[in-house]
Amino acid sequence: MDIERMFELAQALAVAKSRGDVSAAVRLMHDDMVLVTPAFGTQASGRAANARVLTGFFSTFPDYDVALEGHASDGETLVCWGRARMTMTGDRFGVVPNGRRVELPVFIQFSFNDDLIAGERFHFDLSELCAQSGVSTDAVRRHIFGAAA
C-alpha cells in the first residue's frame, strides 16, 4: 500500500473518531483490527471489541478531537503525530476530573491489511492527561493497573 493511501485511511479514522462516530471508525478497520493504548493498558482485537472500546472512550471523553500534523512510513507501517484535545468526564478512572479540556501530543502507529487499518498503537502521556485534568496520576494508574502500579 502506498503512503498516500495509508495516510488517507489514518486521516479518515481521525475524522470519524473526532466526530465520535464509532460506526464510521469501525468501517475503516480490518476484521482482525488490534487497537493498543499503552497508557490505559488496553488492547482490543476485532471490530466488535474495538467498537466497545471506542464507545467507552467517547463516554469518558465526549469532545475528543485529534489532528494529525505529520506522518512518515517505511512502506509497511505508518506513523502519525499530532495533538488530541479532550475533556475527561465521569469517574471511569476512580477520580473526579476538573472538567477542563486538555491538549496532548499524540503518536500513533498504524498497520494495514486488505486496504483497511489492521492495527493502531495510540500513544500519549497519561501523566500529562491527569495533570491537565486535575487528578492524581498515581490514583488513575492504581485504578487502571491495580495495586502494583
Protein backbone atom coordinates (compact mmCIF):
# COMPACT_ATOMS: atom_id res chain seq x y z
CA MET A 1 0.00 0.00 0.00
CA ASP A 2 1.37 3.44 -0.85
CA ILE A 3 1.91 6.09 1.79
CA GLU A 4 -0.84 8.34 0.41
CA ARG A 5 -3.45 5.60 0.84
CA MET A 6 -2.17 4.78 4.33
CA PHE A 7 -2.48 8.41 5.38
CA GLU A 8 -5.90 8.71 3.74
CA LEU A 9 -7.16 5.82 5.91
CA ALA A 10 -5.50 7.21 9.07
CA GLN A 11 -6.95 10.66 8.42
CA ALA A 12 -10.42 9.20 7.80
CA LEU A 13 -10.17 7.35 11.12
CA ALA A 14 -9.09 10.56 12.88
CA VAL A 15 -12.10 12.39 11.43
CA ALA A 16 -14.52 9.61 12.42
CA LYS A 17 -13.13 9.48 15.96
CA SER A 18 -13.21 13.28 16.25
CA ARG A 19 -16.94 13.10 15.44
CA GLY A 20 -17.39 10.26 17.95
CA ASP A 21 -18.70 8.17 15.04
CA VAL A 22 -17.99 4.59 16.11
CA SER A 23 -19.73 3.07 13.06
CA ALA A 24 -17.63 5.10 10.62
CA ALA A 25 -14.45 4.26 12.53
CA VAL A 26 -15.21 0.53 12.54
CA ARG A 27 -15.85 0.53 8.78
CA LEU A 28 -12.20 1.56 8.28
CA MET A 29 -10.96 -1.39 10.35
CA HIS A 30 -9.93 -4.84 9.24
CA ASP A 31 -11.85 -7.75 10.81
CA ASP A 32 -8.73 -8.57 12.86
CA MET A 33 -8.06 -4.95 13.90
CA VAL A 34 -5.93 -4.61 17.05
CA LEU A 35 -6.06 -1.32 18.96
CA VAL A 36 -3.46 -0.92 21.70
CA THR A 37 -3.43 2.03 24.11
CA PRO A 38 -0.45 1.52 26.46
CA ALA A 39 -1.34 4.48 28.71
CA PHE A 40 -4.65 2.79 29.57
CA GLY A 41 -3.25 -0.75 29.45
CA THR A 42 -5.86 -1.78 26.88
CA GLN A 43 -5.85 -3.94 23.80
CA ALA A 44 -8.93 -4.59 21.68
CA SER A 45 -8.95 -7.23 18.94
CA GLY A 46 -11.60 -7.41 16.25
CA ARG A 47 -14.24 -4.95 15.13
CA ALA A 48 -16.76 -5.69 17.90
CA ALA A 49 -14.19 -5.23 20.66
CA ASN A 50 -12.93 -2.03 19.04
CA ALA A 51 -16.49 -0.68 18.86
CA ARG A 52 -16.94 -1.38 22.59
CA VAL A 53 -13.62 0.27 23.50
CA LEU A 54 -14.36 3.34 21.38
CA THR A 55 -17.86 3.66 22.83
CA GLY A 56 -16.39 3.59 26.35
CA PHE A 57 -13.65 6.03 25.39
CA PHE A 58 -16.15 8.53 23.94
CA SER A 59 -18.33 8.28 27.04
CA THR A 60 -15.32 9.38 29.11
CA PHE A 61 -14.01 11.90 26.54
CA PRO A 62 -17.15 13.09 24.70
CA ASP A 63 -15.46 16.03 22.96
CA TYR A 64 -12.41 14.07 21.73
CA ASP A 65 -10.74 15.67 18.74
CA VAL A 66 -7.47 14.67 17.13
CA ALA A 67 -5.48 16.50 14.47
CA LEU A 68 -2.73 14.67 12.61
CA GLU A 69 0.11 17.09 11.97
CA GLY A 70 2.67 14.87 10.28
CA HIS A 71 3.41 11.34 9.16
CA ALA A 72 6.11 9.01 7.90
CA SER A 73 6.16 5.48 6.53
CA ASP A 74 8.57 2.71 5.75
CA GLY A 75 6.15 1.26 3.18
CA GLU A 76 4.59 -1.16 5.67
CA THR A 77 3.80 0.92 8.75
CA LEU A 78 2.56 4.48 9.01
CA VAL A 79 3.46 6.69 11.94
CA CYS A 80 1.47 9.87 12.58
CA TRP A 81 1.89 12.56 15.16
CA GLY A 82 -0.34 15.39 16.20
CA ARG A 83 -2.48 16.77 19.01
CA ALA A 84 -5.51 15.41 20.82
CA ARG A 85 -7.95 17.66 22.63
CA MET A 86 -10.48 16.22 25.06
CA THR A 87 -12.22 16.64 28.37
CA MET A 88 -12.15 13.82 30.92
CA THR A 89 -15.64 13.32 32.37
CA GLY A 90 -17.24 10.95 34.85
CA ASP A 91 -15.39 8.71 37.26
CA ARG A 92 -14.18 5.94 34.93
CA PHE A 93 -10.70 6.12 36.43
CA GLY A 94 -11.84 6.38 40.05
CA VAL A 95 -11.19 10.13 40.23
CA VAL A 96 -13.21 13.29 39.68
CA PRO A 97 -11.66 15.46 36.94
CA ASN A 98 -11.76 19.27 36.89
CA GLY A 99 -13.79 19.44 33.65
CA ARG A 100 -11.13 21.35 31.72
CA ARG A 101 -10.33 20.48 28.14
CA VAL A 102 -6.79 19.15 27.77
CA GLU A 103 -4.42 19.22 24.83
CA LEU A 104 -1.83 16.48 24.42
CA PRO A 105 0.75 15.49 21.85
CA VAL A 106 -0.01 12.04 20.41
CA PHE A 107 1.96 9.49 18.43
CA ILE A 108 0.04 6.81 16.50
CA GLN A 109 1.44 3.77 14.71
CA PHE A 110 -0.74 2.08 12.08
CA SER A 111 -0.54 -1.19 10.19
CA PHE A 112 -2.73 -2.21 7.26
CA ASN A 113 -4.24 -5.26 5.59
CA ASP A 114 -6.68 -5.59 2.67
CA ASP A 115 -6.86 -1.80 2.22
CA LEU A 116 -8.07 -1.36 5.82
CA ILE A 117 -6.46 -0.42 9.12
CA ALA A 118 -5.32 -3.63 10.82
CA GLY A 119 -3.50 -2.17 13.80
CA GLU A 120 -3.27 1.03 15.80
CA ARG A 121 -0.97 1.82 18.73
CA PHE A 122 -2.14 5.08 20.30
CA HIS A 123 0.49 6.75 22.49
CA PHE A 124 0.11 9.75 24.79
CA ASP A 125 1.38 10.84 28.19
CA LEU A 126 -1.04 9.65 30.89
CA SER A 127 0.64 11.89 33.47
CA GLU A 128 0.01 14.96 31.33
CA LEU A 129 -3.63 13.96 30.78
CA CYS A 130 -4.04 13.60 34.55
CA ALA A 131 -2.22 16.85 35.36
CA GLN A 132 -4.32 18.90 32.97
CA SER A 133 -7.49 17.14 34.20
CA GLY A 134 -6.65 17.94 37.83
CA VAL A 135 -6.40 14.32 39.00
CA SER A 136 -3.69 12.20 40.57
CA THR A 137 -1.71 10.13 38.09
CA ASP A 138 -0.95 7.65 40.87
CA ALA A 139 -4.67 7.22 41.64
CA VAL A 140 -5.52 6.73 37.97
CA ARG A 141 -2.67 4.23 37.48
CA ARG A 142 -3.82 2.26 40.56
CA HIS A 143 -7.36 2.20 39.17
CA ILE A 144 -6.18 1.04 35.73
CA PHE A 145 -3.34 -1.31 36.66
CA GLY A 146 -4.10 -2.29 40.26
CA ALA A 147 -2.03 -2.02 43.42
CA ALA A 148 1.20 -2.97 41.61
CA ALA A 149 1.08 0.38 39.76
